Protein backbone atom coordinates (compact mmCIF):
# COMPACT_ATOMS: atom_id res chain seq x y z
CA UNK A 1 -15.24 5.42 5.21
CA UNK A 2 -12.64 6.46 7.90
CA UNK A 3 -11.04 9.78 7.48
CA UNK A 4 -7.64 9.88 9.37
CA UNK A 5 -4.68 12.15 9.64
CA UNK A 6 -1.32 10.79 10.31
CA UNK A 7 0.93 13.16 12.09
CA UNK A 8 4.29 13.63 10.58
CA UNK A 9 3.18 11.42 7.69
CA UNK A 10 5.44 10.92 4.84
CA UNK A 11 3.49 8.58 2.41
CA UNK A 12 -0.20 7.48 2.77
CA UNK A 13 -0.51 4.00 1.51
CA UNK A 14 -3.14 3.50 -1.38
CA UNK A 15 -4.39 0.68 -3.27
CA UNK A 16 -3.76 1.89 -6.88
CA UNK A 17 -4.66 0.08 -10.17
CA UNK A 18 -1.90 -0.15 -12.84
CA UNK A 19 -1.99 2.23 -15.56
CA UNK A 20 -3.48 1.36 -19.00
CA UNK A 21 -1.53 -0.17 -21.88
CA UNK A 22 -0.48 2.28 -24.50
CA UNK A 23 0.01 5.07 -21.66
CA UNK A 24 3.03 6.03 -19.92
CA UNK A 25 4.24 3.72 -16.96
CA UNK A 26 3.62 5.46 -13.60
CA UNK A 27 3.86 5.03 -9.83
CA UNK A 28 1.01 2.61 -10.04
CA UNK A 29 3.27 0.04 -12.06
CA UNK A 30 5.97 -0.24 -9.60
CA UNK A 31 6.06 -3.61 -7.57
CA UNK A 32 7.25 -3.27 -4.07
CA UNK A 33 8.90 -6.21 -2.48
CA UNK A 34 9.60 -4.85 0.97
CA UNK A 35 6.72 -3.43 3.24
CA UNK A 36 6.22 0.09 3.87
CA UNK A 37 7.57 1.33 0.44
CA UNK A 38 5.41 3.33 -2.13
CA UNK A 39 5.76 5.66 -5.06
CA UNK A 40 4.83 9.28 -5.29
CA UNK A 41 4.99 11.40 -8.46
CA UNK A 42 7.22 14.54 -7.99
CA UNK A 43 7.20 16.11 -11.42
CA UNK A 44 5.00 14.17 -14.01
CA UNK A 45 6.83 15.77 -17.03
CA UNK A 46 9.84 17.67 -17.13
CA UNK A 47 10.18 20.38 -19.89
CA UNK A 48 13.04 20.06 -22.27
CA UNK A 49 14.66 23.27 -20.99
CA UNK A 50 15.52 21.53 -17.83
CA UNK A 51 18.38 20.00 -19.85
CA UNK A 52 17.81 16.81 -17.62
CA UNK A 53 18.93 18.74 -14.31
CA UNK A 54 15.63 18.30 -12.41
CA UNK A 55 14.53 14.88 -13.90
CA UNK A 56 17.93 13.26 -14.79
CA UNK A 57 20.55 14.79 -12.63
CA UNK A 58 19.55 14.35 -8.75
CA UNK A 59 22.93 13.56 -7.49
CA UNK A 60 23.56 12.18 -4.17
CA UNK A 61 24.83 8.62 -3.13
CA UNK A 62 21.86 6.62 -2.26
CA UNK A 63 22.32 5.34 1.30
CA UNK A 64 19.75 4.71 3.65
CA UNK A 65 19.78 6.05 7.22
CA UNK A 66 20.00 2.42 8.70
CA UNK A 67 23.28 1.91 7.16
CA UNK A 68 22.42 -0.17 4.03
CA UNK A 69 23.35 1.02 0.56
CA UNK A 70 20.48 1.43 -2.22
CA UNK A 71 21.46 0.46 -5.70
CA UNK A 72 19.65 1.19 -8.87
CA UNK A 73 20.17 -0.58 -12.08
CA UNK A 74 18.75 -0.81 -15.64
CA UNK A 75 18.91 -4.10 -17.29
CA UNK A 76 17.72 -5.38 -20.63
CA UNK A 77 14.38 -7.14 -20.26
CA UNK A 78 12.86 -9.06 -23.19
CA UNK A 79 9.24 -8.18 -23.66
CA UNK A 80 7.13 -11.30 -22.72
CA UNK A 81 4.86 -13.34 -24.86
CA UNK A 82 2.18 -13.21 -25.74
CA UNK A 83 2.85 -9.49 -26.59
CA UNK A 84 2.74 -9.07 -30.33
CA UNK A 85 6.26 -7.37 -29.93
CA UNK A 86 7.65 -10.39 -27.86
CA UNK A 87 11.49 -10.20 -28.14
CA UNK A 88 11.66 -6.57 -28.17
CA UNK A 89 14.33 -5.52 -25.54
CA UNK A 90 12.90 -3.21 -22.83
CA UNK A 91 14.46 -1.93 -19.78
CA UNK A 92 13.45 -3.31 -16.16
CA UNK A 93 14.36 -0.83 -13.45
CA UNK A 94 15.36 -2.60 -10.03
CA UNK A 95 16.15 -0.77 -6.70
CA UNK A 96 18.14 -2.95 -4.28
CA UNK A 97 19.37 -3.19 -0.80
CA UNK A 98 22.84 -3.86 0.13
CA UNK A 99 23.15 -4.80 3.77
CA UNK A 100 25.99 -7.13 5.32
CA UNK A 101 27.08 -8.22 1.82
CA UNK A 102 23.66 -9.20 1.08
CA UNK A 103 21.72 -7.86 -1.91
CA UNK A 104 17.85 -7.93 -1.99
CA UNK A 105 15.59 -6.46 -4.90
CA UNK A 106 13.08 -4.28 -3.04
CA UNK A 107 11.31 -2.36 -6.01
CA UNK A 108 10.86 -3.19 -9.61
CA UNK A 109 9.49 -1.38 -12.74
CA UNK A 110 9.07 -3.64 -15.60
CA UNK A 111 8.15 -2.87 -19.28
CA UNK A 112 4.97 -4.11 -20.65
CA UNK A 113 3.04 -4.86 -23.86
CA UNK A 114 1.42 -1.47 -25.05
CA UNK A 115 -1.22 -0.93 -27.74
CA UNK A 116 -0.96 -1.37 -31.54
CA UNK A 117 2.16 -3.44 -31.61
CA UNK A 118 4.12 -1.07 -29.07
CA UNK A 119 5.92 -1.57 -25.72
CA UNK A 120 5.61 0.90 -22.72
CA UNK A 121 9.09 1.23 -21.66
CA UNK A 122 11.10 2.98 -18.94
CA UNK A 123 14.88 3.90 -18.51
CA UNK A 124 16.94 6.01 -16.06
CA UNK A 125 17.52 9.39 -17.17
CA UNK A 126 21.16 10.15 -17.89
CA UNK A 127 24.28 8.01 -17.75
CA UNK A 128 24.94 8.74 -14.02
CA UNK A 129 23.71 10.88 -11.03
CA UNK A 130 20.25 9.55 -11.82
CA UNK A 131 19.19 9.03 -8.22
CA UNK A 132 19.58 10.85 -4.87
CA UNK A 133 18.36 10.23 -1.45
CA UNK A 134 16.79 12.63 1.14
CA UNK A 135 17.53 11.10 4.39
CA UNK A 136 15.24 13.37 6.57
CA UNK A 137 12.30 11.87 4.95
CA UNK A 138 13.26 8.60 3.67
CA UNK A 139 12.83 9.33 -0.12
CA UNK A 140 14.65 7.92 -3.04
CA UNK A 141 14.56 10.32 -6.09
CA UNK A 142 14.64 8.62 -9.50
CA UNK A 143 14.94 10.49 -12.78
CA UNK A 144 13.10 8.29 -15.50
CA UNK A 145 12.43 8.60 -19.24
CA UNK A 146 9.10 6.92 -20.18
CA UNK A 147 8.66 5.96 -23.80
CA UNK A 148 6.52 4.25 -26.17
CA UNK A 149 8.70 1.82 -28.51
CA UNK A 150 6.95 0.64 -31.59
CA UNK A 151 7.49 -2.42 -33.48
CA UNK A 152 6.17 -4.03 -36.74
CA UNK A 153 4.46 -0.80 -37.76
CA UNK A 154 3.17 -0.11 -34.20
CA UNK A 155 1.77 3.40 -33.54
CA UNK A 156 2.64 5.32 -30.34
CA UNK A 157 -0.19 7.33 -28.90
CA UNK A 158 2.51 9.43 -26.76
CA UNK A 159 5.98 10.56 -26.92
CA UNK A 160 8.75 10.10 -24.54
CA UNK A 161 8.37 11.73 -21.39
CA UNK A 162 10.88 12.86 -18.59
CA UNK A 163 9.67 12.27 -15.17
CA UNK A 164 10.80 12.52 -11.56
CA UNK A 165 9.54 10.03 -8.90
CA UNK A 166 10.19 9.27 -5.40
CA UNK A 167 10.04 5.89 -3.79
CA UNK A 168 9.19 6.56 -0.10
CA UNK A 169 9.22 4.66 3.13
CA UNK A 170 12.82 4.23 3.84
CA UNK A 171 14.55 4.98 7.21
CA UNK A 172 14.53 8.48 8.14
CA UNK A 173 16.94 10.48 10.31
CA UNK A 174 14.68 11.64 12.97
CA UNK A 175 10.99 11.67 12.19
CA UNK A 176 8.46 8.71 12.74
CA UNK A 177 6.60 8.89 9.29
CA UNK A 178 3.44 6.78 9.54
CA UNK A 179 1.59 5.02 6.38
CA UNK A 180 -2.12 4.34 6.76
CA UNK A 181 -4.15 1.66 5.02
CA UNK A 182 -7.80 2.28 5.83
CA UNK A 183 -9.54 -0.35 7.91
CA UNK A 184 -6.34 -2.35 7.97
CA UNK A 185 -3.07 -0.99 9.76
CA UNK A 186 -0.63 1.83 10.10
CA UNK A 187 2.78 1.36 10.31
CA UNK A 188 6.39 3.04 10.31
CA UNK A 189 9.85 2.36 9.73
CA UNK A 190 12.29 2.84 13.00
CA UNK A 191 14.37 6.20 12.49
CA UNK A 192 18.11 6.57 12.90
CA UNK A 193 17.48 8.86 15.89
CA UNK A 194 13.84 8.73 16.84
CA UNK A 195 12.62 12.29 17.29
CA UNK A 196 16.16 13.14 17.85
CA UNK A 197 16.87 10.89 20.66
CA UNK A 198 19.84 8.33 20.40
CA UNK A 199 17.48 5.43 20.27
CA UNK A 200 14.05 4.21 21.45
CA UNK A 201 13.44 1.60 23.95
CA UNK A 202 9.66 1.33 22.86
CA UNK A 203 7.08 3.11 21.04
CA UNK A 204 3.26 4.04 22.13
CA UNK A 205 0.86 4.69 19.37
CA UNK A 206 -2.39 6.84 20.08
CA UNK A 207 -5.40 7.97 18.28
CA UNK A 208 -7.89 10.81 18.92
CA UNK A 209 -10.71 12.85 17.46
CA UNK A 210 -9.68 15.60 14.88
CA UNK A 211 -10.62 18.82 16.57
CA UNK A 212 -9.09 22.61 16.26
CA UNK A 213 -6.86 22.52 17.78
CA UNK A 214 -6.01 18.83 18.63
CA UNK A 215 -6.33 17.89 22.32
CA UNK A 216 -3.62 15.49 22.82
CA UNK A 217 -4.88 15.14 26.57
CA UNK A 218 -7.92 13.36 25.18
CA UNK A 219 -5.83 10.70 23.33
CA UNK A 220 -6.82 7.19 23.32
CA UNK A 221 -4.21 4.40 23.46
CA UNK A 222 -3.88 2.00 20.38
CA UNK A 223 -0.78 -0.06 20.84
CA UNK A 224 1.43 0.45 24.04
CA UNK A 225 5.20 -0.33 24.28
CA UNK A 226 5.77 -1.95 21.27
CA UNK A 227 7.59 -3.95 19.90
CA UNK A 228 8.24 -6.33 22.78
CA UNK A 229 11.94 -6.35 22.15
CA UNK A 230 14.15 -3.52 21.71
CA UNK A 231 13.47 -1.91 18.21
CA UNK A 232 16.42 -1.62 15.69
CA UNK A 233 16.93 1.24 13.20
CA UNK A 234 15.11 0.20 9.93
CA UNK A 235 12.61 -2.19 11.51
CA UNK A 236 9.19 -1.83 9.87
CA UNK A 237 6.67 -1.84 12.96
CA UNK A 238 2.94 -2.21 12.09
CA UNK A 239 -0.22 -1.66 14.40
CA UNK A 240 -3.62 -3.14 13.78
CA UNK A 241 -6.22 -0.45 13.05
CA UNK A 242 -8.96 -1.18 15.57
CA UNK A 243 -10.32 2.49 15.61
CA UNK A 244 -13.95 2.85 15.28
CA UNK A 245 -15.14 4.41 12.27
CA UNK A 246 -16.18 8.11 12.84
CA UNK A 247 -19.46 9.64 12.21
CA UNK A 248 -19.84 11.52 8.77
CA UNK A 249 -17.96 14.67 8.66
CA UNK A 250 -15.58 13.55 11.42
CA UNK A 251 -12.05 12.11 11.48
CA UNK A 252 -9.49 10.67 13.70
CA UNK A 253 -5.71 11.41 13.96
CA UNK A 254 -2.82 8.67 14.75
CA UNK A 255 0.42 9.84 16.74
CA UNK A 256 3.25 7.61 17.71
CA UNK A 257 5.48 8.65 20.76
CA UNK A 258 9.08 7.29 21.34
CA UNK A 259 10.49 6.75 24.62
CA UNK A 260 14.24 6.22 25.46
CA UNK A 261 15.74 6.09 28.86
CA UNK A 262 12.59 7.51 30.53
CA UNK A 263 12.30 10.50 28.31
CA UNK A 264 9.30 10.58 25.73
CA UNK A 265 8.78 12.68 22.62
CA UNK A 266 6.25 12.88 20.02
CA UNK A 267 6.86 15.27 17.42
CA UNK A 268 7.16 19.04 17.00
CA UNK A 269 4.91 22.06 16.91
CA UNK A 270 5.12 25.59 15.54
CA UNK A 271 4.07 28.53 17.63
CA UNK A 272 4.66 32.31 16.71
CA UNK A 273 7.08 30.87 14.00
CA UNK A 274 9.16 28.96 16.53
CA UNK A 275 9.54 25.30 16.23
CA UNK A 276 9.65 23.22 19.41
CA UNK A 277 8.69 19.81 20.61
CA UNK A 278 5.40 18.70 21.86
CA UNK A 279 4.99 18.81 25.54
CA UNK A 280 5.12 14.98 26.57
CA UNK A 281 3.02 15.88 29.90
CA UNK A 282 -0.08 16.38 27.69
CA UNK A 283 0.02 13.00 26.25
CA UNK A 284 -1.88 10.50 28.51
CA UNK A 285 -0.20 7.23 29.96
CA UNK A 286 -0.62 4.37 27.51
CA UNK A 287 -2.90 1.89 28.91
CA UNK A 288 -3.02 -1.44 27.00
């Protein structure tokens, strides 16, 4: 099994099985219709004394850094057959992207048949201010109420839970945040200002052995000068993972550099409490 570190990673992709019927819905139950998106649990269960502030009131107009508007709606959704509670009204939560007057659904959380004549359901917490967007890390926060709804004498195994989740993988402001699928690929969404630059002419992706400290002078080229056409903000780029599986107890890292008008940057470092950009002279020329 390959052990990898993604430098400046926001979300590491995983293949998660859906939760069991009769249990609260969770991140594994979300269905994503746009590549690069994933769900991360922020607060599994909010105590009542939060008064809905943490899990219910995450105010902030959801607007992606690529200029599109993210909208969240909760609509009635009849429980499907052959569920014993078929016809019971649940709530389907949809996250949509509005771009150039076109609306596209990109993520969905749907109620399902629970156990013993129940429905595992979810709804947005609060009537307003139930979503907020973090442009720095491309995360959409959603306050949810997860509930078990009985019908026809059904018996619930859990009570309502207030929860905060983050849908990750949206366009960031500066950082190149890569996600990794073992033995398959890694990818990232083009930031609004890649590594703080006004744009990017192309990207170069490298890998290397995990050492302490990491020696970037020994980095190996993985994908050079990609994509072939100038990238646009919000594009989701993928790179095939052709890196050999390391020996047991060892691992590899991946890092992507952005180049714009001759200047190359590839993340930041901290030394003596001071934050600065990594020295681009340490990174070898990318050789296809």
